[in-house]
């Protein structure tokens, strides 16, 4: 069993689920409230990557200055519009497949300033 440096408390009978970062109850967590929207220059960059994915291409969307819940919702809308899977992690939306044109059109209709990045 691995020993975590931050402790491993996940659930307490007193408070329920615990935040692994601040070690408070999720209802009283200060980590999620303290996070501000990431700094951005106002331009959303859409690119295609294949590195580390076994040759499979992924459309990557960076530069969105949104909070995490809004980013997850936008990622879900993009995946639905493209008809494929994907994920949202570290402020970056990844959509499986080469859907850069569809993603750019969708974001422009939403009012974002979009640029094609990479090759």
PDB file of N, CA and C in Angstrom:
ATOM      1  N   UNK A   1       0.840  -1.180   0.000  1.00  0.00           N
ATOM      2  CA  UNK A   1       0.000   0.000   0.000  1.00  0.00           C
ATOM      3  C   UNK A   1       0.883   1.240   0.000  1.00  0.00           C
ATOM      4  N   UNK A   2       0.558   2.204  -0.841  1.00  0.00           N
ATOM      5  CA  UNK A   2       1.357   3.412  -0.964  1.00  0.00           C
ATOM      6  C   UNK A   2       1.030   4.383   0.164  1.00  0.00           C
ATOM      7  N   UNK A   3       2.042   5.063   0.650  1.00  0.00           N
ATOM      8  CA  UNK A   3       1.859   6.055   1.692  1.00  0.00           C
ATOM      9  C   UNK A   3       1.941   7.427   1.047  1.00  0.00           C
ATOM     10  N   UNK A   4       0.888   8.167   1.071  1.00  0.00           N
ATOM     11  CA  UNK A   4       0.862   9.496   0.455  1.00  0.00           C
ATOM     12  C   UNK A   4       1.430  10.529   1.417  1.00  0.00           C
ATOM     13  N   UNK A   5       2.101  11.497   0.880  1.00  0.00           N
ATOM     14  CA  UNK A   5       2.685  12.548   1.702  1.00  0.00           C
ATOM     15  C   UNK A   5       1.607  13.468   2.267  1.00  0.00           C
ATOM     16  N   UNK A   6       0.506  13.620   1.552  1.00  0.00           N
ATOM     17  CA  UNK A   6      -0.559  14.516   1.999  1.00  0.00           C
ATOM     18  C   UNK A   6      -1.564  13.812   2.886  1.00  0.00           C
ATOM     19  N   UNK A   7      -1.380  12.559   3.150  1.00  0.00           N
ATOM     20  CA  UNK A   7      -2.340  11.802   3.939  1.00  0.00           C
ATOM     21  C   UNK A   7      -3.333  11.141   3.025  1.00  0.00           C
ATOM     22  N   UNK A   8      -4.060  10.189   3.521  1.00  0.00           N
ATOM     23  CA  UNK A   8      -4.955   9.445   2.669  1.00  0.00           C
ATOM     24  C   UNK A   8      -6.399   9.498   3.117  1.00  0.00           C
ATOM     25  N   UNK A   9      -6.759  10.452   3.985  1.00  0.00           N
ATOM     26  CA  UNK A   9      -8.109  10.519   4.488  1.00  0.00           C
ATOM     27  C   UNK A   9      -9.076  10.903   3.381  1.00  0.00           C
ATOM     28  N   UNK A  10     -10.009  10.006   3.076  1.00  0.00           N
ATOM     29  CA  UNK A  10     -10.971  10.241   2.016  1.00  0.00           C
ATOM     30  C   UNK A  10     -12.369  10.427   2.589  1.00  0.00           C
ATOM     31  N   UNK A  11     -12.646   9.749   3.680  1.00  0.00           N
ATOM     32  CA  UNK A  11     -13.983   9.796   4.255  1.00  0.00           C
ATOM     33  C   UNK A  11     -13.877   9.804   5.773  1.00  0.00           C
ATOM     34  N   UNK A  12     -14.693  10.610   6.386  1.00  0.00           N
ATOM     35  CA  UNK A  12     -14.758  10.660   7.839  1.00  0.00           C
ATOM     36  C   UNK A  12     -16.211  10.491   8.250  1.00  0.00           C
ATOM     37  N   UNK A  13     -16.447   9.736   9.309  1.00  0.00           N
ATOM     38  CA  UNK A  13     -17.826   9.537   9.751  1.00  0.00           C
ATOM     39  C   UNK A  13     -18.418  10.817  10.318  1.00  0.00           C
ATOM     40  N   UNK A  14     -17.580  11.745  10.731  1.00  0.00           N
ATOM     41  CA  UNK A  14     -18.081  13.010  11.265  1.00  0.00           C
ATOM     42  C   UNK A  14     -18.517  13.967  10.162  1.00  0.00           C
ATOM     43  N   UNK A  15     -17.697  14.111   9.126  1.00  0.00           N
ATOM     44  CA  UNK A  15     -17.956  15.139   8.118  1.00  0.00           C
ATOM     45  C   UNK A  15     -18.299  14.580   6.743  1.00  0.00           C
ATOM     46  N   UNK A  16     -18.155  13.300   6.511  1.00  0.00           N
ATOM     47  CA  UNK A  16     -18.421  12.738   5.182  1.00  0.00           C
ATOM     48  C   UNK A  16     -17.168  12.785   4.327  1.00  0.00           C
ATOM     49  N   UNK A  17     -17.303  13.076   3.052  1.00  0.00           N
ATOM     50  CA  UNK A  17     -16.164  13.116   2.128  1.00  0.00           C
ATOM     51  C   UNK A  17     -15.229  14.266   2.477  1.00  0.00           C
ATOM     52  N   UNK A  18     -13.926  13.999   2.347  1.00  0.00           N
ATOM     53  CA  UNK A  18     -12.902  14.972   2.710  1.00  0.00           C
ATOM     54  C   UNK A  18     -12.121  15.399   1.468  1.00  0.00           C
ATOM     55  N   UNK A  19     -11.701  16.646   1.439  1.00  0.00           N
ATOM     56  CA  UNK A  19     -10.862  17.172   0.360  1.00  0.00           C
ATOM     57  C   UNK A  19      -9.431  16.694   0.590  1.00  0.00           C
ATOM     58  N   UNK A  20      -8.783  16.095  -0.407  1.00  0.00           N
ATOM     59  CA  UNK A  20      -7.422  15.600  -0.201  1.00  0.00           C
ATOM     60  C   UNK A  20      -6.388  16.713  -0.082  1.00  0.00           C
ATOM     61  N   UNK A  21      -6.706  17.922  -0.545  1.00  0.00           N
ATOM     62  CA  UNK A  21      -5.733  19.007  -0.522  1.00  0.00           C
ATOM     63  C   UNK A  21      -5.734  19.758   0.808  1.00  0.00           C
ATOM     64  N   UNK A  22      -6.907  20.275   1.197  1.00  0.00           N
ATOM     65  CA  UNK A  22      -6.970  21.070   2.425  1.00  0.00           C
ATOM     66  C   UNK A  22      -7.411  20.248   3.635  1.00  0.00           C
ATOM     67  N   UNK A  23      -7.816  18.993   3.410  1.00  0.00           N
ATOM     68  CA  UNK A  23      -8.218  18.045   4.448  1.00  0.00           C
ATOM     69  C   UNK A  23      -9.398  18.539   5.272  1.00  0.00           C
ATOM     70  N   UNK A  24     -10.322  19.225   4.611  1.00  0.00           N
ATOM     71  CA  UNK A  24     -11.571  19.641   5.238  1.00  0.00           C
ATOM     72  C   UNK A  24     -12.712  18.894   4.557  1.00  0.00           C
ATOM     73  N   UNK A  25     -13.894  18.988   5.144  1.00  0.00           N
ATOM     74  CA  UNK A  25     -15.061  18.386   4.513  1.00  0.00           C
ATOM     75  C   UNK A  25     -15.309  19.068   3.172  1.00  0.00           C
ATOM     76  N   UNK A  26     -15.803  18.329   2.172  1.00  0.00           N
ATOM     77  CA  UNK A  26     -16.028  18.925   0.851  1.00  0.00           C
ATOM     78  C   UNK A  26     -16.978  20.110   0.906  1.00  0.00           C
ATOM     79  N   UNK A  27     -17.921  20.098   1.819  1.00  0.00           N
ATOM     80  CA  UNK A  27     -18.848  21.230   1.929  1.00  0.00           C
ATOM     81  C   UNK A  27     -18.161  22.474   2.462  1.00  0.00           C
ATOM     82  N   UNK A  28     -17.043  22.311   3.194  1.00  0.00           N
ATOM     83  CA  UNK A  28     -16.313  23.443   3.754  1.00  0.00           C
ATOM     84  C   UNK A  28     -14.941  23.613   3.110  1.00  0.00           C
ATOM     85  N   UNK A  29     -14.742  23.029   1.960  1.00  0.00           N
ATOM     86  CA  UNK A  29     -13.447  23.060   1.278  1.00  0.00           C
ATOM     87  C   UNK A  29     -13.100  24.480   0.853  1.00  0.00           C
ATOM     88  N   UNK A  30     -11.867  24.894   1.150  1.00  0.00           N
ATOM     89  CA  UNK A  30     -11.426  26.226   0.757  1.00  0.00           C
ATOM     90  C   UNK A  30     -10.598  26.200  -0.523  1.00  0.00           C
ATOM     91  N   UNK A  31     -10.188  25.036  -0.970  1.00  0.00           N
ATOM     92  CA  UNK A  31      -9.368  24.914  -2.179  1.00  0.00           C
ATOM     93  C   UNK A  31     -10.147  25.323  -3.423  1.00  0.00           C
ATOM     94  N   UNK A  32     -11.352  24.813  -3.549  1.00  0.00           N
ATOM     95  CA  UNK A  32     -12.140  25.068  -4.755  1.00  0.00           C
ATOM     96  C   UNK A  32     -12.621  26.504  -4.826  1.00  0.00           C
ATOM     97  N   UNK A  33     -12.844  27.130  -3.666  1.00  0.00           N
ATOM     98  CA  UNK A  33     -13.294  28.514  -3.659  1.00  0.00           C
ATOM     99  C   UNK A  33     -12.156  29.464  -3.992  1.00  0.00           C
ATOM    100  N   UNK A  34     -10.933  29.103  -3.610  1.00  0.00           N
ATOM    101  CA  UNK A  34      -9.790  29.986  -3.789  1.00  0.00           C
ATOM    102  C   UNK A  34      -9.276  30.021  -5.221  1.00  0.00           C
ATOM    103  N   UNK A  35      -9.596  29.008  -6.020  1.00  0.00           N
ATOM    104  CA  UNK A  35      -9.080  28.971  -7.385  1.00  0.00           C
ATOM    105  C   UNK A  35      -9.745  30.048  -8.236  1.00  0.00           C
ATOM    106  N   UNK A  36      -8.926  30.864  -8.844  1.00  0.00           N
ATOM    107  CA  UNK A  36      -9.421  31.892  -9.748  1.00  0.00           C
ATOM    108  C   UNK A  36      -9.334  31.367 -11.172  1.00  0.00           C
ATOM    109  N   UNK A  37      -9.989  32.056 -12.082  1.00  0.00           N
ATOM    110  CA  UNK A  37      -9.913  31.669 -13.482  1.00  0.00           C
ATOM    111  C   UNK A  37      -8.484  31.859 -13.976  1.00  0.00           C
ATOM    112  N   UNK A  38      -7.982  30.939 -14.782  1.00  0.00           N
ATOM    113  CA  UNK A  38      -6.607  31.069 -15.272  1.00  0.00           C
ATOM    114  C   UNK A  38      -6.458  32.293 -16.171  1.00  0.00           C
ATOM    115  N   UNK A  39      -5.277  32.882 -16.119  1.00  0.00           N
ATOM    116  CA  UNK A  39      -5.008  34.056 -16.937  1.00  0.00           C
ATOM    117  C   UNK A  39      -4.977  33.656 -18.414  1.00  0.00           C
ATOM    118  N   UNK A  40      -5.506  34.513 -19.246  1.00  0.00           N
ATOM    119  CA  UNK A  40      -5.561  34.217 -20.668  1.00  0.00           C
ATOM    120  C   UNK A  40      -5.428  35.515 -21.450  1.00  0.00           C
ATOM    121  N   UNK A  41      -4.937  35.403 -22.685  1.00  0.00           N
ATOM    122  CA  UNK A  41      -4.831  36.583 -23.534  1.00  0.00           C
ATOM    123  C   UNK A  41      -6.095  36.793 -24.364  1.00  0.00           C
ATOM    124  N   UNK A  42      -7.112  35.962 -24.155  1.00  0.00           N
ATOM    125  CA  UNK A  42      -8.379  36.124 -24.852  1.00  0.00           C
ATOM    126  C   UNK A  42      -8.465  35.355 -26.157  1.00  0.00           C
ATOM    127  N   UNK A  43      -7.415  34.647 -26.509  1.00  0.00           N
ATOM    128  CA  UNK A  43      -7.408  33.884 -27.750  1.00  0.00           C
ATOM    129  C   UNK A  43      -7.388  32.401 -27.414  1.00  0.00           C
ATOM    130  N   UNK A  44      -8.324  31.664 -27.989  1.00  0.00           N
ATOM    131  CA  UNK A  44      -8.393  30.221 -27.803  1.00  0.00           C
ATOM    132  C   UNK A  44      -7.579  29.582 -28.911  1.00  0.00           C
ATOM    133  N   UNK A  45      -6.690  28.677 -28.536  1.00  0.00           N
ATOM    134  CA  UNK A  45      -5.838  28.018 -29.520  1.00  0.00           C
ATOM    135  C   UNK A  45      -6.244  26.561 -29.677  1.00  0.00           C
ATOM    136  N   UNK A  46      -6.476  26.165 -30.927  1.00  0.00           N
ATOM    137  CA  UNK A  46      -6.897  24.803 -31.251  1.00  0.00           C
ATOM    138  C   UNK A  46      -5.772  24.152 -32.049  1.00  0.00           C
ATOM    139  N   UNK A  47      -5.332  22.985 -31.595  1.00  0.00           N
ATOM    140  CA  UNK A  47      -4.250  22.290 -32.294  1.00  0.00           C
ATOM    141  C   UNK A  47      -4.531  20.796 -32.304  1.00  0.00           C
ATOM    142  N   UNK A  48      -3.710  20.073 -33.067  1.00  0.00           N
ATOM    143  CA  UNK A  48      -3.817  18.621 -33.151  1.00  0.00           C
ATOM    144  C   UNK A  48      -2.516  18.029 -32.652  1.00  0.00           C
ATOM    145  N   UNK A  49      -2.612  17.045 -31.754  1.00  0.00           N
ATOM    146  CA  UNK A  49      -1.426  16.405 -31.207  1.00  0.00           C
ATOM    147  C   UNK A  49      -1.520  14.896 -31.390  1.00  0.00           C
ATOM    148  N   UNK A  50      -0.348  14.268 -31.547  1.00  0.00           N
ATOM    149  CA  UNK A  50      -0.291  12.810 -31.625  1.00  0.00           C
ATOM    150  C   UNK A  50       0.760  12.241 -30.682  1.00  0.00           C
ATOM    151  N   UNK A  51       1.572  13.079 -30.072  1.00  0.00           N
ATOM    152  CA  UNK A  51       2.658  12.597 -29.219  1.00  0.00           C
ATOM    153  C   UNK A  51       2.127  11.869 -28.002  1.00  0.00           C
ATOM    154  N   UNK A  52       2.703  10.709 -27.726  1.00  0.00           N
ATOM    155  CA  UNK A  52       2.362   9.950 -26.545  1.00  0.00           C
ATOM    156  C   UNK A  52       1.004   9.277 -26.597  1.00  0.00           C
ATOM    157  N   UNK A  53       0.428   9.182 -27.775  1.00  0.00           N
ATOM    158  CA  UNK A  53      -0.908   8.602 -27.910  1.00  0.00           C
ATOM    159  C   UNK A  53      -0.931   7.442 -28.900  1.00  0.00           C
ATOM    160  N   UNK A  54       0.193   6.866 -29.173  1.00  0.00           N
ATOM    161  CA  UNK A  54       0.259   5.722 -30.065  1.00  0.00           C
ATOM    162  C   UNK A  54      -0.110   6.055 -31.503  1.00  0.00           C
ATOM    163  N   UNK A  55       0.163   7.270 -31.943  1.00  0.00           N
ATOM    164  CA  UNK A  55      -0.140   7.669 -33.312  1.00  0.00           C
ATOM    165  C   UNK A  55      -1.551   8.170 -33.522  1.00  0.00           C
ATOM    166  N   UNK A  56      -2.392   8.088 -32.511  1.00  0.00           N
ATOM    167  CA  UNK A  56      -3.765   8.566 -32.634  1.00  0.00           C
ATOM    168  C   UNK A  56      -3.796  10.075 -32.421  1.00  0.00           C
ATOM    169  N   UNK A  57      -4.580  10.782 -33.216  1.00  0.00           N
ATOM    170  CA  UNK A  57      -4.623  12.237 -33.114  1.00  0.00           C
ATOM    171  C   UNK A  57      -5.700  12.689 -32.126  1.00  0.00           C
ATOM    172  N   UNK A  58      -5.412  13.802 -31.470  1.00  0.00           N
ATOM    173  CA  UNK A  58      -6.313  14.407 -30.502  1.00  0.00           C
ATOM    174  C   UNK A  58      -6.350  15.898 -30.774  1.00  0.00           C
ATOM    175  N   UNK A  59      -7.543  16.474 -30.796  1.00  0.00           N
ATOM    176  CA  UNK A  59      -7.693  17.914 -30.948  1.00  0.00           C
ATOM    177  C   UNK A  59      -7.623  18.542 -29.565  1.00  0.00           C
ATOM    178  N   UNK A  60      -6.704  19.500 -29.392  1.00  0.00           N
ATOM    179  CA  UNK A  60      -6.458  20.111 -28.093  1.00  0.00           C
ATOM    180  C   UNK A  60      -6.904  21.571 -28.131  1.00  0.00           C
ATOM    181  N   UNK A  61      -7.681  21.981 -27.120  1.00  0.00           N
ATOM    182  CA  UNK A  61      -8.177  23.352 -27.016  1.00  0.00           C
ATOM    183  C   UNK A  61      -7.564  23.974 -25.768  1.00  0.00           C
ATOM    184  N   UNK A  62      -6.774  25.043 -25.956  1.00  0.00           N
ATOM    185  CA  UNK A  62      -6.099  25.722 -24.847  1.00  0.00           C
ATOM    186  C   UNK A  62      -6.469  27.195 -24.846  1.00  0.00           C
ATOM    187  N   UNK A  63      -6.314  27.831 -23.687  1.00  0.00           N
ATOM    188  CA  UNK A  63      -6.496  29.281 -23.594  1.00  0.00           C
ATOM    189  C   UNK A  63      -7.887  29.718 -23.205  1.00  0.00           C
ATOM    190  N   UNK A  64      -8.718  28.795 -22.730  1.00  0.00           N
ATOM    191  CA  UNK A  64     -10.055  29.167 -22.282  1.00  0.00           C
ATOM    192  C   UNK A  64      -9.990  29.636 -20.832  1.00  0.00           C
ATOM    193  N   UNK A  65     -10.376  30.869 -20.573  1.00  0.00           N
ATOM    194  CA  UNK A  65     -10.347  31.418 -19.215  1.00  0.00           C
ATOM    195  C   UNK A  65     -11.682  31.141 -18.544  1.00  0.00           C
ATOM    196  N   UNK A  66     -11.909  29.879 -18.196  1.00  0.00           N
ATOM    197  CA  UNK A  66     -13.152  29.462 -17.558  1.00  0.00           C
ATOM    198  C   UNK A  66     -12.845  28.711 -16.269  1.00  0.00           C
ATOM    199  N   UNK A  67     -13.788  28.758 -15.338  1.00  0.00           N
ATOM    200  CA  UNK A  67     -13.685  27.939 -14.134  1.00  0.00           C
ATOM    201  C   UNK A  67     -13.850  26.473 -14.526  1.00  0.00           C
ATOM    202  N   UNK A  68     -13.453  25.576 -13.663  1.00  0.00           N
ATOM    203  CA  UNK A  68     -13.470  24.141 -13.966  1.00  0.00           C
ATOM    204  C   UNK A  68     -14.859  23.610 -14.349  1.00  0.00           C
ATOM    205  N   UNK A  69     -15.940  23.936 -13.621  1.00  0.00           N
ATOM    206  CA  UNK A  69     -17.255  23.399 -14.017  1.00  0.00           C
ATOM    207  C   UNK A  69     -17.702  23.878 -15.403  1.00  0.00           C
ATOM    208  N   UNK A  70     -17.441  25.143 -15.719  1.00  0.00           N
ATOM    209  CA  UNK A  70     -17.811  25.677 -17.028  1.00  0.00           C
ATOM    210  C   UNK A  70     -16.959  25.043 -18.126  1.00  0.00           C
ATOM    211  N   UNK A  71     -15.703  24.769 -17.815  1.00  0.00           N
ATOM    212  CA  UNK A  71     -14.809  24.135 -18.786  1.00  0.00           C
ATOM    213  C   UNK A  71     -15.258  22.707 -19.074  1.00  0.00           C
ATOM    214  N   UNK A  72     -15.681  21.988 -18.043  1.00  0.00           N
ATOM    215  CA  UNK A  72     -16.179  20.624 -18.221  1.00  0.00           C
ATOM    216  C   UNK A  72     -17.448  20.637 -19.078  1.00  0.00           C
ATOM    217  N   UNK A  73     -18.338  21.604 -18.834  1.00  0.00           N
ATOM    218  CA  UNK A  73     -19.572  21.715 -19.610  1.00  0.00           C
ATOM    219  C   UNK A  73     -19.271  22.017 -21.078  1.00  0.00           C
ATOM    220  N   UNK A  74     -18.338  22.941 -21.333  1.00  0.00           N
ATOM    221  CA  UNK A  74     -17.960  23.263 -22.712  1.00  0.00           C
ATOM    222  C   UNK A  74     -17.312  22.052 -23.381  1.00  0.00           C
ATOM    223  N   UNK A  75     -16.497  21.311 -22.632  1.00  0.00           N
ATOM    224  CA  UNK A  75     -15.888  20.097 -23.178  1.00  0.00           C
ATOM    225  C   UNK A  75     -16.939  19.080 -23.582  1.00  0.00           C
ATOM    226  N   UNK A  76     -17.972  18.952 -22.779  1.00  0.00           N
ATOM    227  CA  UNK A  76     -19.059  18.023 -23.100  1.00  0.00           C
ATOM    228  C   UNK A  76     -19.783  18.460 -24.369  1.00  0.00           C
ATOM    229  N   UNK A  77     -20.011  19.767 -24.512  1.00  0.00           N
ATOM    230  CA  UNK A  77     -20.663  20.275 -25.716  1.00  0.00           C
ATOM    231  C   UNK A  77     -19.806  20.052 -26.956  1.00  0.00           C
ATOM    232  N   UNK A  78     -18.492  20.247 -26.823  1.00  0.00           N
ATOM    233  CA  UNK A  78     -17.594  20.029 -27.958  1.00  0.00           C
ATOM    234  C   UNK A  78     -17.556  18.558 -28.365  1.00  0.00           C
ATOM    235  N   UNK A  79     -17.500  17.672 -27.386  1.00  0.00           N
ATOM    236  CA  UNK A  79     -17.481  16.238 -27.688  1.00  0.00           C
ATOM    237  C   UNK A  79     -18.778  15.817 -28.371  1.00  0.00           C
ATOM    238  N   UNK A  80     -19.901  16.375 -27.943  1.00  0.00           N
ATOM    239  CA  UNK A  80     -21.182  16.059 -28.570  1.00  0.00           C
ATOM    240  C   UNK A  80     -21.235  16.582 -29.996  1.00  0.00           C
ATOM    241  N   UNK A  81     -20.737  17.805 -30.208  1.00  0.00           N
ATOM    242  CA  UNK A  81     -20.742  18.394 -31.544  1.00  0.00           C
ATOM    243  C   UNK A  81     -19.863  17.604 -32.512  1.00  0.00           C
ATOM    244  N   UNK A  82     -18.767  17.041 -32.006  1.00  0.00           N
ATOM    245  CA  UNK A  82     -17.847  16.278 -32.857  1.00  0.00           C
ATOM    246  C   UNK A  82     -18.234  14.805 -32.945  1.00  0.00           C
ATOM    247  N   UNK A  83     -19.072  14.349 -32.055  1.00  0.00           N
ATOM    248  CA  UNK A  83     -19.474  12.948 -32.060  1.00  0.00           C
ATOM    249  C   UNK A  83     -18.360  12.010 -31.646  1.00  0.00           C
ATOM    250  N   UNK A  84     -17.539  12.453 -30.686  1.00  0.00           N
ATOM    251  CA  UNK A  84     -16.442  11.604 -30.232  1.00  0.00           C
ATOM    252  C   UNK A  84     -16.217  11.814 -28.741  1.00  0.00           C
ATOM    253  N   UNK A  85     -15.272  11.084 -28.195  1.00  0.00           N
ATOM    254  CA  UNK A  85     -14.961  11.177 -26.782  1.00  0.00           C
ATOM    255  C   UNK A  85     -13.888  12.204 -26.530  1.00  0.00           C
ATOM    256  N   UNK A  86     -13.486  12.290 -25.291  1.00  0.00           N
ATOM    257  CA  UNK A  86     -12.439  13.224 -24.931  1.00  0.00           C
ATOM    258  C   UNK A  86     -12.390  13.417 -23.437  1.00  0.00           C
ATOM    259  N   UNK A  87     -11.631  14.432 -23.010  1.00  0.00           N
ATOM    260  CA  UNK A  87     -11.484  14.701 -21.589  1.00  0.00           C
ATOM    261  C   UNK A  87     -11.139  16.166 -21.368  1.00  0.00           C
ATOM    262  N   UNK A  88     -11.253  16.584 -20.112  1.00  0.00           N
ATOM    263  CA  UNK A  88     -10.822  17.912 -19.686  1.00  0.00           C
ATOM    264  C   UNK A  88      -9.864  17.712 -18.531  1.00  0.00           C
ATOM    265  N   UNK A  89      -8.627  18.172 -18.705  1.00  0.00           N
ATOM    266  CA  UNK A  89      -7.673  18.081 -17.608  1.00  0.00           C
ATOM    267  C   UNK A  89      -6.683  19.234 -17.668  1.00  0.00           C
ATOM    268  N   UNK A  90      -6.383  19.774 -16.503  1.00  0.00           N
ATOM    269  CA  UNK A  90      -5.433  20.881 -16.352  1.00  0.00           C
ATOM    270  C   UNK A  90      -5.796  22.087 -17.210  1.00  0.00           C
ATOM    271  N   UNK A  91      -7.063  22.399 -17.336  1.00  0.00           N
ATOM    272  CA  UNK A  91      -7.500  23.569 -18.089  1.00  0.00           C
ATOM    273  C   UNK A  91      -7.433  23.401 -19.594  1.00  0.00           C
ATOM    274  N   UNK A  92      -7.275  22.177 -20.068  1.00  0.00           N
ATOM    275  CA  UNK A  92      -7.168  21.883 -21.490  1.00  0.00           C
ATOM    276  C   UNK A  92      -8.254  20.886 -21.872  1.00  0.00           C
ATOM    277  N   UNK A  93      -8.956  21.162 -22.974  1.00  0.00           N
ATOM    278  CA  UNK A  93      -9.969  20.236 -23.473  1.00  0.00           C
ATOM    279  C   UNK A  93      -9.330  19.404 -24.573  1.00  0.00           C
ATOM    280  N   UNK A  94      -9.468  18.069 -24.469  1.00  0.00           N
ATOM    281  CA  UNK A  94      -8.961  17.157 -25.493  1.00  0.00           C
ATOM    282  C   UNK A  94     -10.143  16.413 -26.094  1.00  0.00           C
ATOM    283  N   UNK A  95     -10.270  16.478 -27.417  1.00  0.00           N
ATOM    284  CA  UNK A  95     -11.320  15.769 -28.139  1.00  0.00           C
ATOM    285  C   UNK A  95     -10.635  14.730 -29.023  1.00  0.00           C
ATOM    286  N   UNK A  96     -11.068  13.484 -28.925  1.00  0.00           N
ATOM    287  CA  UNK A  96     -10.443  12.411 -29.689  1.00  0.00           C
ATOM    288  C   UNK A  96     -10.698  12.598 -31.177  1.00  0.00           C
ATOM    289  N   UNK A  97      -9.645  12.472 -31.956  1.00  0.00           N
ATOM    290  CA  UNK A  97      -9.749  12.599 -33.409  1.00  0.00           C
ATOM    291  C   UNK A  97      -9.328  13.976 -33.888  1.00  0.00           C
ATOM    292  N   UNK A  98      -9.255  14.113 -35.208  1.00  0.00           N
ATOM    293  CA  UNK A  98      -8.858  15.376 -35.832  1.00  0.00           C
ATOM    294  C   UNK A  98     -10.119  16.173 -36.160  1.00  0.00           C
ATOM    295  N   UNK A  99     -10.582  16.967 -35.201  1.00  0.00           N
ATOM    296  CA  UNK A  99     -11.814  17.748 -35.360  1.00  0.00           C
ATOM    297  C   UNK A  99     -11.545  19.241 -35.211  1.00  0.00           C
ATOM    298  N   UNK A 100     -10.375  19.706 -35.618  1.00  0.00           N
ATOM    299  CA  UNK A 100      -9.994  21.094 -35.398  1.00  0.00           C
ATOM    300  C   UNK A 100     -10.950  22.070 -36.083  1.00  0.00           C
ATOM    301  N   UNK A 101     -11.377  21.764 -37.296  1.00  0.00           N
ATOM    302  CA  UNK A 101     -12.271  22.662 -38.031  1.00  0.00           C
ATOM    303  C   UNK A 101     -13.633  22.748 -37.340  1.00  0.00           C
ATOM    304  N   UNK A 102     -14.179  21.594 -36.927  1.00  0.00           N
ATOM    305  CA  UNK A 102     -15.465  21.591 -36.232  1.00  0.00           C
ATOM    306  C   UNK A 102     -15.386  22.340 -34.906  1.00  0.00           C
ATOM    307  N   UNK A 103     -14.308  22.124 -34.160  1.00  0.00           N
ATOM    308  CA  UNK A 103     -14.136  22.775 -32.870  1.00  0.00           C
ATOM    309  C   UNK A 103     -14.005  24.284 -33.054  1.00  0.00           C
ATOM    310  N   UNK A 104     -13.236  24.711 -34.049  1.00  0.00           N
ATOM    311  CA  UNK A 104     -13.071  26.143 -34.306  1.00  0.00           C
ATOM    312  C   UNK A 104     -14.395  26.790 -34.687  1.00  0.00           C
ATOM    313  N   UNK A 105     -15.170  26.159 -35.549  1.00  0.00           N
ATOM    314  CA  UNK A 105     -16.477  26.696 -35.932  1.00  0.00           C
ATOM    315  C   UNK A 105     -17.405  26.795 -34.732  1.00  0.00           C
ATOM    316  N   UNK A 106     -17.424  25.764 -33.901  1.00  0.00           N
ATOM    317  CA  UNK A 106     -18.296  25.745 -32.724  1.00  0.00           C
ATOM    318  C   UNK A 106     -17.931  26.874 -31.767  1.00  0.00           C
ATOM    319  N   UNK A 107     -16.632  27.051 -31.506  1.00  0.00           N
ATOM    320  CA  UNK A 107     -16.199  28.086 -30.574  1.00  0.00           C
ATOM    321  C   UNK A 107     -16.432  29.489 -31.123  1.00  0.00           C
ATOM    322  N   UNK A 108     -16.272  29.673 -32.432  1.00  0.00           N
ATOM    323  CA  UNK A 108     -16.540  30.976 -33.027  1.00  0.00           C
ATOM    324  C   UNK A 108     -18.015  31.333 -32.941  1.00  0.00           C
ATOM    325  N   UNK A 109     -18.891  30.350 -33.096  1.00  0.00           N
ATOM    326  CA  UNK A 109     -20.328  30.599 -32.943  1.00  0.00           C
ATOM    327  C   UNK A 109     -20.680  30.958 -31.508  1.00  0.00           C
ATOM    328  N   UNK A 110     -19.873  30.470 -30.547  1.00  0.00           N
ATOM    329  CA  UNK A 110     -20.085  30.787 -29.137  1.00  0.00           C
ATOM    330  C   UNK A 110     -19.522  32.165 -28.770  1.00  0.00           C
ATOM    331  N   UNK A 111     -18.798  32.790 -29.694  1.00  0.00           N
ATOM    332  CA  UNK A 111     -18.282  34.139 -29.459  1.00  0.00           C
ATOM    333  C   UNK A 111     -16.822  34.207 -29.043  1.00  0.00           C
ATOM    334  N   UNK A 112     -16.080  33.126 -29.129  1.00  0.00           N
ATOM    335  CA  UNK A 112     -14.677  33.113 -28.774  1.00  0.00           C
ATOM    336  C   UNK A 112     -13.816  33.550 -29.950  1.00  0.00           C
ATOM    337  N   UNK A 113     -12.650  34.132 -29.680  1.00  0.00           N
ATOM    338  CA  UNK A 113     -11.653  34.425 -30.702  1.00  0.00           C
ATOM    339  C   UNK A 113     -10.769  33.183 -30.791  1.00  0.00           C
ATOM    340  N   UNK A 114     -10.742  32.549 -31.965  1.00  0.00           N
ATOM    341  CA  UNK A 114     -10.087  31.255 -32.114  1.00  0.00           C
ATOM    342  C   UNK A 114      -8.964  31.342 -33.144  1.00  0.00           C
ATOM    343  N   UNK A 115      -7.829  30.700 -32.828  1.00  0.00           N
ATOM    344  CA  UNK A 115      -6.708  30.588 -33.753  1.00  0.00           C
ATOM    345  C   UNK A 115      -6.320  29.127 -33.885  1.00  0.00           C
ATOM    346  N   UNK A 116      -5.861  28.768 -35.057  1.00  0.00           N
ATOM    347  CA  UNK A 116      -5.318  27.431 -35.285  1.00  0.00           C
ATOM    348  C   UNK A 116      -3.856  27.459 -34.876  1.00  0.00           C
ATOM    349  N   UNK A 117      -3.458  26.586 -33.981  1.00  0.00           N
ATOM    350  CA  UNK A 117      -2.076  26.540 -33.514  1.00  0.00           C
ATOM    351  C   UNK A 117      -1.426  25.272 -34.047  1.00  0.00           C
ATOM    352  N   UNK A 118      -0.131  25.292 -34.164  1.00  0.00           N
ATOM    353  CA  UNK A 118       0.595  24.127 -34.662  1.00  0.00           C
ATOM    354  C   UNK A 118       0.510  24.028 -36.174  1.00  0.00           C
ATOM    355  N   UNK A 119       0.826  22.815 -36.679  1.00  0.00           N
ATOM    356  CA  UNK A 119       0.871  22.614 -38.129  1.00  0.00           C
ATOM    357  C   UNK A 119      -0.387  22.366 -38.685  1.00  0.00           C
TER     358      UNK A 119
END
